[in-house]
Amino acid sequence: ERETERTERRDGSAQAVLVPVWGKADASARILAALEDLAHSLRSRGVRVELDDRRHVTPGWKYHEWELKGVPLRLEIGPRDVDQGQAV
């Protein structure tokens, strides 16, 4: 039954979701800029990407929501990831 729910909710609109892990206020602009650059790069390669930059929802809520929607790839970027030029 649970698999049926998951399948029914898939709309095929996104192949990947980018989720910021907000740090201190001064890092937020850098995180958002890095995510926008990554989204642009992926879109230019034909990947359907969603950037979930909602601040009123916790990252865990976003992960669960996108998983239920059936999005196969989730990339998380926080302040340390931006500093190190990586994503998790």
PDB file of N, CA and C in Angstrom:
ATOM      1  N   GLU A   1       0.828  -1.191   0.000  1.00  0.00           N
ATOM      2  CA  GLU A   1       0.000   0.000   0.000  1.00  0.00           C
ATOM      3  C   GLU A   1       0.873   1.256   0.000  1.00  0.00           C
ATOM      4  N   ARG A   2       1.920   1.244   0.802  1.00  0.00           N
ATOM      5  CA  ARG A   2       2.796   2.407   0.885  1.00  0.00           C
ATOM      6  C   ARG A   2       3.478   2.674  -0.458  1.00  0.00           C
ATOM      7  N   GLU A   3       3.879   1.631  -1.134  1.00  0.00           N
ATOM      8  CA  GLU A   3       4.510   1.793  -2.452  1.00  0.00           C
ATOM      9  C   GLU A   3       3.512   2.386  -3.439  1.00  0.00           C
ATOM     10  N   THR A   4       2.266   2.011  -3.322  1.00  0.00           N
ATOM     11  CA  THR A   4       1.227   2.560  -4.195  1.00  0.00           C
ATOM     12  C   THR A   4       1.081   4.054  -3.958  1.00  0.00           C
ATOM     13  N   GLU A   5       1.075   4.470  -2.679  1.00  0.00           N
ATOM     14  CA  GLU A   5       0.988   5.894  -2.367  1.00  0.00           C
ATOM     15  C   GLU A   5       2.142   6.645  -3.000  1.00  0.00           C
ATOM     16  N   ARG A   6       3.321   6.098  -2.860  1.00  0.00           N
ATOM     17  CA  ARG A   6       4.508   6.757  -3.392  1.00  0.00           C
ATOM     18  C   ARG A   6       4.410   6.878  -4.909  1.00  0.00           C
ATOM     19  N   THR A   7       4.016   5.822  -5.575  1.00  0.00           N
ATOM     20  CA  THR A   7       3.915   5.828  -7.029  1.00  0.00           C
ATOM     21  C   THR A   7       2.859   6.816  -7.503  1.00  0.00           C
ATOM     22  N   GLU A   8       1.746   6.877  -6.814  1.00  0.00           N
ATOM     23  CA  GLU A   8       0.674   7.779  -7.220  1.00  0.00           C
ATOM     24  C   GLU A   8       1.067   9.241  -7.084  1.00  0.00           C
ATOM     25  N   ARG A   9       1.937   9.560  -6.171  1.00  0.00           N
ATOM     26  CA  ARG A   9       2.326  10.942  -5.946  1.00  0.00           C
ATOM     27  C   ARG A   9       3.405  11.423  -6.908  1.00  0.00           C
ATOM     28  N   ARG A  10       4.034  10.542  -7.600  1.00  0.00           N
ATOM     29  CA  ARG A  10       5.082  10.945  -8.527  1.00  0.00           C
ATOM     30  C   ARG A  10       4.474  11.715  -9.681  1.00  0.00           C
ATOM     31  N   ASP A  11       5.013  12.888  -9.917  1.00  0.00           N
ATOM     32  CA  ASP A  11       4.499  13.675 -11.029  1.00  0.00           C
ATOM     33  C   ASP A  11       5.540  13.833 -12.132  1.00  0.00           C
ATOM     34  N   GLY A  12       6.741  13.339 -11.896  1.00  0.00           N
ATOM     35  CA  GLY A  12       7.772  13.369 -12.930  1.00  0.00           C
ATOM     36  C   GLY A  12       8.343  14.736 -13.205  1.00  0.00           C
ATOM     37  N   SER A  13       8.017  15.709 -12.373  1.00  0.00           N
ATOM     38  CA  SER A  13       8.469  17.054 -12.672  1.00  0.00           C
ATOM     39  C   SER A  13       9.925  17.296 -12.284  1.00  0.00           C
ATOM     40  N   ALA A  14      10.418  16.652 -11.259  1.00  0.00           N
ATOM     41  CA  ALA A  14      11.789  16.911 -10.810  1.00  0.00           C
ATOM     42  C   ALA A  14      12.593  15.621 -10.769  1.00  0.00           C
ATOM     43  N   GLN A  15      13.828  15.720 -11.208  1.00  0.00           N
ATOM     44  CA  GLN A  15      14.755  14.594 -11.113  1.00  0.00           C
ATOM     45  C   GLN A  15      15.690  14.763  -9.924  1.00  0.00           C
ATOM     46  N   ALA A  16      15.850  15.998  -9.469  1.00  0.00           N
ATOM     47  CA  ALA A  16      16.727  16.281  -8.339  1.00  0.00           C
ATOM     48  C   ALA A  16      16.172  17.465  -7.561  1.00  0.00           C
ATOM     49  N   VAL A  17      16.432  17.464  -6.264  1.00  0.00           N
ATOM     50  CA  VAL A  17      16.054  18.602  -5.429  1.00  0.00           C
ATOM     51  C   VAL A  17      17.304  19.070  -4.695  1.00  0.00           C
ATOM     52  N   LEU A  18      17.464  20.374  -4.617  1.00  0.00           N
ATOM     53  CA  LEU A  18      18.578  20.983  -3.906  1.00  0.00           C
ATOM     54  C   LEU A  18      18.041  21.570  -2.612  1.00  0.00           C
ATOM     55  N   VAL A  19      18.638  21.163  -1.492  1.00  0.00           N
ATOM     56  CA  VAL A  19      18.159  21.586  -0.176  1.00  0.00           C
ATOM     57  C   VAL A  19      19.287  22.304   0.562  1.00  0.00           C
ATOM     58  N   PRO A  20      19.076  23.580   0.901  1.00  0.00           N
ATOM     59  CA  PRO A  20      20.080  24.278   1.690  1.00  0.00           C
ATOM     60  C   PRO A  20      19.988  23.873   3.159  1.00  0.00           C
ATOM     61  N   VAL A  21      21.138  23.745   3.787  1.00  0.00           N
ATOM     62  CA  VAL A  21      21.203  23.549   5.225  1.00  0.00           C
ATOM     63  C   VAL A  21      21.710  24.867   5.768  1.00  0.00           C
ATOM     64  N   TRP A  22      20.761  25.695   6.195  1.00  0.00           N
ATOM     65  CA  TRP A  22      21.103  27.061   6.592  1.00  0.00           C
ATOM     66  C   TRP A  22      22.002  27.049   7.806  1.00  0.00           C
ATOM     67  N   GLY A  23      23.023  27.853   7.760  1.00  0.00           N
ATOM     68  CA  GLY A  23      23.911  28.040   8.900  1.00  0.00           C
ATOM     69  C   GLY A  23      23.645  29.403   9.499  1.00  0.00           C
ATOM     70  N   LYS A  24      24.702  30.102   9.789  1.00  0.00           N
ATOM     71  CA  LYS A  24      24.565  31.460  10.316  1.00  0.00           C
ATOM     72  C   LYS A  24      24.042  32.381   9.223  1.00  0.00           C
ATOM     73  N   ALA A  25      23.470  33.474   9.647  1.00  0.00           N
ATOM     74  CA  ALA A  25      22.846  34.408   8.699  1.00  0.00           C
ATOM     75  C   ALA A  25      23.836  34.899   7.644  1.00  0.00           C
ATOM     76  N   ASP A  26      25.084  35.097   8.013  1.00  0.00           N
ATOM     77  CA  ASP A  26      26.067  35.604   7.047  1.00  0.00           C
ATOM     78  C   ASP A  26      26.425  34.567   5.984  1.00  0.00           C
ATOM     79  N   ALA A  27      26.170  33.289   6.260  1.00  0.00           N
ATOM     80  CA  ALA A  27      26.475  32.233   5.287  1.00  0.00           C
ATOM     81  C   ALA A  27      25.313  31.959   4.339  1.00  0.00           C
ATOM     82  N   SER A  28      24.127  32.425   4.674  1.00  0.00           N
ATOM     83  CA  SER A  28      22.937  32.118   3.879  1.00  0.00           C
ATOM     84  C   SER A  28      23.057  32.577   2.436  1.00  0.00           C
ATOM     85  N   ALA A  29      23.590  33.766   2.232  1.00  0.00           N
ATOM     86  CA  ALA A  29      23.729  34.290   0.870  1.00  0.00           C
ATOM     87  C   ALA A  29      24.691  33.427   0.057  1.00  0.00           C
ATOM     88  N   ARG A  30      25.776  32.981   0.676  1.00  0.00           N
ATOM     89  CA  ARG A  30      26.747  32.129  -0.028  1.00  0.00           C
ATOM     90  C   ARG A  30      26.137  30.772  -0.368  1.00  0.00           C
ATOM     91  N   ILE A  31      25.367  30.224   0.558  1.00  0.00           N
ATOM     92  CA  ILE A  31      24.724  28.930   0.326  1.00  0.00           C
ATOM     93  C   ILE A  31      23.738  29.039  -0.829  1.00  0.00           C
ATOM     94  N   LEU A  32      22.905  30.056  -0.789  1.00  0.00           N
ATOM     95  CA  LEU A  32      21.906  30.234  -1.834  1.00  0.00           C
ATOM     96  C   LEU A  32      22.562  30.462  -3.196  1.00  0.00           C
ATOM     97  N   ALA A  33      23.637  31.242  -3.236  1.00  0.00           N
ATOM     98  CA  ALA A  33      24.345  31.482  -4.495  1.00  0.00           C
ATOM     99  C   ALA A  33      24.930  30.187  -5.050  1.00  0.00           C
ATOM    100  N   ALA A  34      25.494  29.362  -4.168  1.00  0.00           N
ATOM    101  CA  ALA A  34      26.072  28.084  -4.607  1.00  0.00           C
ATOM    102  C   ALA A  34      24.979  27.163  -5.149  1.00  0.00           C
ATOM    103  N   LEU A  35      23.836  27.137  -4.491  1.00  0.00           N
ATOM    104  CA  LEU A  35      22.730  26.294  -4.944  1.00  0.00           C
ATOM    105  C   LEU A  35      22.168  26.785  -6.276  1.00  0.00           C
ATOM    106  N   GLU A  36      22.055  28.082  -6.438  1.00  0.00           N
ATOM    107  CA  GLU A  36      21.558  28.619  -7.709  1.00  0.00           C
ATOM    108  C   GLU A  36      22.522  28.297  -8.849  1.00  0.00           C
ATOM    109  N   ASP A  37      23.833  28.397  -8.583  1.00  0.00           N
ATOM    110  CA  ASP A  37      24.836  28.031  -9.600  1.00  0.00           C
ATOM    111  C   ASP A  37      24.721  26.552  -9.964  1.00  0.00           C
ATOM    112  N   LEU A  38      24.580  25.705  -8.946  1.00  0.00           N
ATOM    113  CA  LEU A  38      24.457  24.270  -9.184  1.00  0.00           C
ATOM    114  C   LEU A  38      23.179  23.955  -9.958  1.00  0.00           C
ATOM    115  N   ALA A  39      22.081  24.609  -9.591  1.00  0.00           N
ATOM    116  CA  ALA A  39      20.810  24.386 -10.296  1.00  0.00           C
ATOM    117  C   ALA A  39      20.947  24.788 -11.764  1.00  0.00           C
ATOM    118  N   HIS A  40      21.572  25.923 -12.022  1.00  0.00           N
ATOM    119  CA  HIS A  40      21.769  26.374 -13.401  1.00  0.00           C
ATOM    120  C   HIS A  40      22.619  25.371 -14.186  1.00  0.00           C
ATOM    121  N   SER A  41      23.675  24.885 -13.559  1.00  0.00           N
ATOM    122  CA  SER A  41      24.557  23.924 -14.214  1.00  0.00           C
ATOM    123  C   SER A  41      23.816  22.626 -14.550  1.00  0.00           C
ATOM    124  N   LEU A  42      23.038  22.133 -13.613  1.00  0.00           N
ATOM    125  CA  LEU A  42      22.290  20.896 -13.859  1.00  0.00           C
ATOM    126  C   LEU A  42      21.221  21.092 -14.924  1.00  0.00           C
ATOM    127  N   ARG A  43      20.522  22.223 -14.857  1.00  0.00           N
ATOM    128  CA  ARG A  43      19.480  22.491 -15.863  1.00  0.00           C
ATOM    129  C   ARG A  43      20.070  22.604 -17.255  1.00  0.00           C
ATOM    130  N   SER A  44      21.253  23.178 -17.363  1.00  0.00           N
ATOM    131  CA  SER A  44      21.887  23.302 -18.681  1.00  0.00           C
ATOM    132  C   SER A  44      22.265  21.937 -19.249  1.00  0.00           C
ATOM    133  N   ARG A  45      22.317  20.925 -18.393  1.00  0.00           N
ATOM    134  CA  ARG A  45      22.608  19.558 -18.826  1.00  0.00           C
ATOM    135  C   ARG A  45      21.341  18.722 -18.968  1.00  0.00           C
ATOM    136  N   GLY A  46      20.180  19.374 -18.862  1.00  0.00           N
ATOM    137  CA  GLY A  46      18.917  18.687 -19.083  1.00  0.00           C
ATOM    138  C   GLY A  46      18.294  18.036 -17.865  1.00  0.00           C
ATOM    139  N   VAL A  47      18.819  18.303 -16.678  1.00  0.00           N
ATOM    140  CA  VAL A  47      18.269  17.728 -15.452  1.00  0.00           C
ATOM    141  C   VAL A  47      17.161  18.655 -14.939  1.00  0.00           C
ATOM    142  N   ARG A  48      16.016  18.080 -14.600  1.00  0.00           N
ATOM    143  CA  ARG A  48      14.915  18.860 -14.025  1.00  0.00           C
ATOM    144  C   ARG A  48      15.158  19.007 -12.521  1.00  0.00           C
ATOM    145  N   VAL A  49      15.437  20.238 -12.103  1.00  0.00           N
ATOM    146  CA  VAL A  49      15.877  20.513 -10.738  1.00  0.00           C
ATOM    147  C   VAL A  49      14.901  21.444 -10.035  1.00  0.00           C
ATOM    148  N   GLU A  50      14.685  21.169  -8.765  1.00  0.00           N
ATOM    149  CA  GLU A  50      13.928  22.066  -7.889  1.00  0.00           C
ATOM    150  C   GLU A  50      14.861  22.552  -6.788  1.00  0.00           C
ATOM    151  N   LEU A  51      14.823  23.832  -6.491  1.00  0.00           N
ATOM    152  CA  LEU A  51      15.577  24.415  -5.385  1.00  0.00           C
ATOM    153  C   LEU A  51      14.582  24.717  -4.276  1.00  0.00           C
ATOM    154  N   ASP A  52      14.672  23.982  -3.180  1.00  0.00           N
ATOM    155  CA  ASP A  52      13.741  24.147  -2.059  1.00  0.00           C
ATOM    156  C   ASP A  52      14.380  25.053  -1.012  1.00  0.00           C
ATOM    157  N   ASP A  53      14.195  26.346  -1.172  1.00  0.00           N
ATOM    158  CA  ASP A  53      14.835  27.309  -0.273  1.00  0.00           C
ATOM    159  C   ASP A  53      13.869  27.856   0.781  1.00  0.00           C
ATOM    160  N   ARG A  54      12.805  27.109   1.065  1.00  0.00           N
ATOM    161  CA  ARG A  54      11.864  27.533   2.105  1.00  0.00           C
ATOM    162  C   ARG A  54      12.576  27.549   3.457  1.00  0.00           C
ATOM    163  N   ARG A  55      12.375  28.631   4.186  1.00  0.00           N
ATOM    164  CA  ARG A  55      13.025  28.762   5.497  1.00  0.00           C
ATOM    165  C   ARG A  55      12.116  28.368   6.651  1.00  0.00           C
ATOM    166  N   HIS A  56      10.826  28.303   6.420  1.00  0.00           N
ATOM    167  CA  HIS A  56       9.888  27.985   7.493  1.00  0.00           C
ATOM    168  C   HIS A  56       9.699  26.480   7.687  1.00  0.00           C
ATOM    169  N   VAL A  57      10.428  25.687   6.925  1.00  0.00           N
ATOM    170  CA  VAL A  57      10.326  24.230   7.000  1.00  0.00           C
ATOM    171  C   VAL A  57      11.717  23.667   7.288  1.00  0.00           C
ATOM    172  N   THR A  58      11.787  22.682   8.184  1.00  0.00           N
ATOM    173  CA  THR A  58      13.089  22.097   8.523  1.00  0.00           C
ATOM    174  C   THR A  58      13.608  21.233   7.370  1.00  0.00           C
ATOM    175  N   PRO A  59      14.933  21.037   7.302  1.00  0.00           N
ATOM    176  CA  PRO A  59      15.475  20.168   6.256  1.00  0.00           C
ATOM    177  C   PRO A  59      14.867  18.766   6.290  1.00  0.00           C
ATOM    178  N   GLY A  60      14.649  18.207   7.476  1.00  0.00           N
ATOM    179  CA  GLY A  60      14.061  16.873   7.575  1.00  0.00           C
ATOM    180  C   GLY A  60      12.674  16.798   6.953  1.00  0.00           C
ATOM    181  N   TRP A  61      11.888  17.835   7.139  1.00  0.00           N
ATOM    182  CA  TRP A  61      10.559  17.897   6.539  1.00  0.00           C
ATOM    183  C   TRP A  61      10.679  17.901   5.018  1.00  0.00           C
ATOM    184  N   LYS A  62      11.621  18.697   4.514  1.00  0.00           N
ATOM    185  CA  LYS A  62      11.830  18.775   3.062  1.00  0.00           C
ATOM    186  C   LYS A  62      12.254  17.420   2.504  1.00  0.00           C
ATOM    187  N   TYR A  63      13.178  16.737   3.186  1.00  0.00           N
ATOM    188  CA  TYR A  63      13.645  15.432   2.716  1.00  0.00           C
ATOM    189  C   TYR A  63      12.467  14.472   2.580  1.00  0.00           C
ATOM    190  N   HIS A  64      11.643  14.428   3.626  1.00  0.00           N
ATOM    191  CA  HIS A  64      10.495  13.527   3.632  1.00  0.00           C
ATOM    192  C   HIS A  64       9.514  13.884   2.518  1.00  0.00           C
ATOM    193  N   GLU A  65       9.218  15.157   2.392  1.00  0.00           N
ATOM    194  CA  GLU A  65       8.271  15.608   1.376  1.00  0.00           C
ATOM    195  C   GLU A  65       8.729  15.242  -0.035  1.00  0.00           C
ATOM    196  N   TRP A  66       9.995  15.493  -0.333  1.00  0.00           N
ATOM    197  CA  TRP A  66      10.502  15.200  -1.688  1.00  0.00           C
ATOM    198  C   TRP A  66      10.623  13.703  -1.922  1.00  0.00           C
ATOM    199  N   GLU A  67      10.913  12.954  -0.862  1.00  0.00           N
ATOM    200  CA  GLU A  67      10.967  11.498  -1.009  1.00  0.00           C
ATOM    201  C   GLU A  67       9.585  10.955  -1.361  1.00  0.00           C
ATOM    202  N   LEU A  68       8.551  11.461  -0.704  1.00  0.00           N
ATOM    203  CA  LEU A  68       7.190  11.030  -1.016  1.00  0.00           C
ATOM    204  C   LEU A  68       6.791  11.402  -2.441  1.00  0.00           C
ATOM    205  N   LYS A  69       7.332  12.501  -2.938  1.00  0.00           N
ATOM    206  CA  LYS A  69       7.034  12.915  -4.310  1.00  0.00           C
ATOM    207  C   LYS A  69       7.783  12.068  -5.328  1.00  0.00           C
ATOM    208  N   GLY A  70       8.737  11.265  -4.844  1.00  0.00           N
ATOM    209  CA  GLY A  70       9.452  10.357  -5.729  1.00  0.00           C
ATOM    210  C   GLY A  70      10.658  10.955  -6.419  1.00  0.00           C
ATOM    211  N   VAL A  71      11.176  12.050  -5.910  1.00  0.00           N
ATOM    212  CA  VAL A  71      12.369  12.649  -6.512  1.00  0.00           C
ATOM    213  C   VAL A  71      13.566  11.770  -6.167  1.00  0.00           C
ATOM    214  N   PRO A  72      14.282  11.269  -7.182  1.00  0.00           N
ATOM    215  CA  PRO A  72      15.331  10.281  -6.925  1.00  0.00           C
ATOM    216  C   PRO A  72      16.645  10.824  -6.358  1.00  0.00           C
ATOM    217  N   LEU A  73      16.922  12.107  -6.519  1.00  0.00           N
ATOM    218  CA  LEU A  73      18.214  12.641  -6.082  1.00  0.00           C
ATOM    219  C   LEU A  73      18.018  13.876  -5.229  1.00  0.00           C
ATOM    220  N   ARG A  74      18.674  13.885  -4.070  1.00  0.00           N
ATOM    221  CA  ARG A  74      18.622  15.038  -3.175  1.00  0.00           C
ATOM    222  C   ARG A  74      20.057  15.473  -2.890  1.00  0.00           C
ATOM    223  N   LEU A  75      20.319  16.755  -3.107  1.00  0.00           N
ATOM    224  CA  LEU A  75      21.634  17.312  -2.807  1.00  0.00           C
ATOM    225  C   LEU A  75      21.477  18.355  -1.708  1.00  0.00           C
ATOM    226  N   GLU A  76      22.293  18.232  -0.683  1.00  0.00           N
ATOM    227  CA  GLU A  76      22.248  19.155   0.450  1.00  0.00           C
ATOM    228  C   GLU A  76      23.539  19.959   0.468  1.00  0.00           C
ATOM    229  N   ILE A  77      23.403  21.246   0.694  1.00  0.00           N
ATOM    230  CA  ILE A  77      24.583  22.099   0.778  1.00  0.00           C
ATOM    231  C   ILE A  77      24.441  23.011   1.986  1.00  0.00           C
ATOM    232  N   GLY A  78      25.471  23.010   2.824  1.00  0.00           N
ATOM    233  CA  GLY A  78      25.540  23.876   3.999  1.00  0.00           C
ATOM    234  C   GLY A  78      26.785  24.747   3.927  1.00  0.00           C
ATOM    235  N   PRO A  79      27.053  25.515   4.963  1.00  0.00           N
ATOM    236  CA  PRO A  79      28.192  26.441   4.943  1.00  0.00           C
ATOM    237  C   PRO A  79      29.544  25.753   4.743  1.00  0.00           C
ATOM    238  N   ARG A  80      29.760  24.628   5.406  1.00  0.00           N
ATOM    239  CA  ARG A  80      31.042  23.917   5.239  1.00  0.00           C
ATOM    240  C   ARG A  80      31.190  23.353   3.835  1.00  0.00           C
ATOM    241  N   ASP A  81      30.075  22.913   3.252  1.00  0.00           N
ATOM    242  CA  ASP A  81      30.120  22.387   1.888  1.00  0.00           C
ATOM    243  C   ASP A  81      30.511  23.488   0.911  1.00  0.00           C
ATOM    244  N   VAL A  82      29.973  24.676   1.099  1.00  0.00           N
ATOM    245  CA  VAL A  82      30.327  25.798   0.233  1.00  0.00           C
ATOM    246  C   VAL A  82      31.817  26.109   0.365  1.00  0.00           C
ATOM    247  N   ASP A  83      32.306  26.131   1.606  1.00  0.00           N
ATOM    248  CA  ASP A  83      33.730  26.412   1.839  1.00  0.00           C
ATOM    249  C   ASP A  83      34.631  25.369   1.186  1.00  0.00           C
ATOM    250  N   GLN A  84      34.189  24.112   1.171  1.00  0.00           N
ATOM    251  CA  GLN A  84      34.992  23.016   0.636  1.00  0.00           C
ATOM    252  C   GLN A  84      34.675  22.695  -0.815  1.00  0.00           C
ATOM    253  N   GLY A  85      33.692  23.390  -1.402  1.00  0.00           N
ATOM    254  CA  GLY A  85      33.344  23.162  -2.806  1.00  0.00           C
ATOM    255  C   GLY A  85      32.754  21.791  -3.063  1.00  0.00           C
ATOM    256  N   GLN A  86      31.866  21.329  -2.164  1.00  0.00           N
ATOM    257  CA  GLN A  86      31.286  20.000  -2.305  1.00  0.00           C
ATOM    258  C   GLN A  86      29.800  20.034  -1.968  1.00  0.00           C
ATOM    259  N   ALA A  87      29.125  18.945  -2.217  1.00  0.00           N
ATOM    260  CA  ALA A  87      27.725  18.771  -1.835  1.00  0.00           C
ATOM    261  C   ALA A  87      27.556  17.372  -1.287  1.00  0.00           C
ATOM    262  N   VAL A  88      26.567  17.190  -0.437  1.00  0.00           N
ATOM    263  CA  VAL A  88      26.307  15.879   0.154  1.00  0.00           C
ATOM    264  C   VAL A  88      25.026  15.338  -0.431  1.00  0.00           C
TER     265      VAL A  88
END
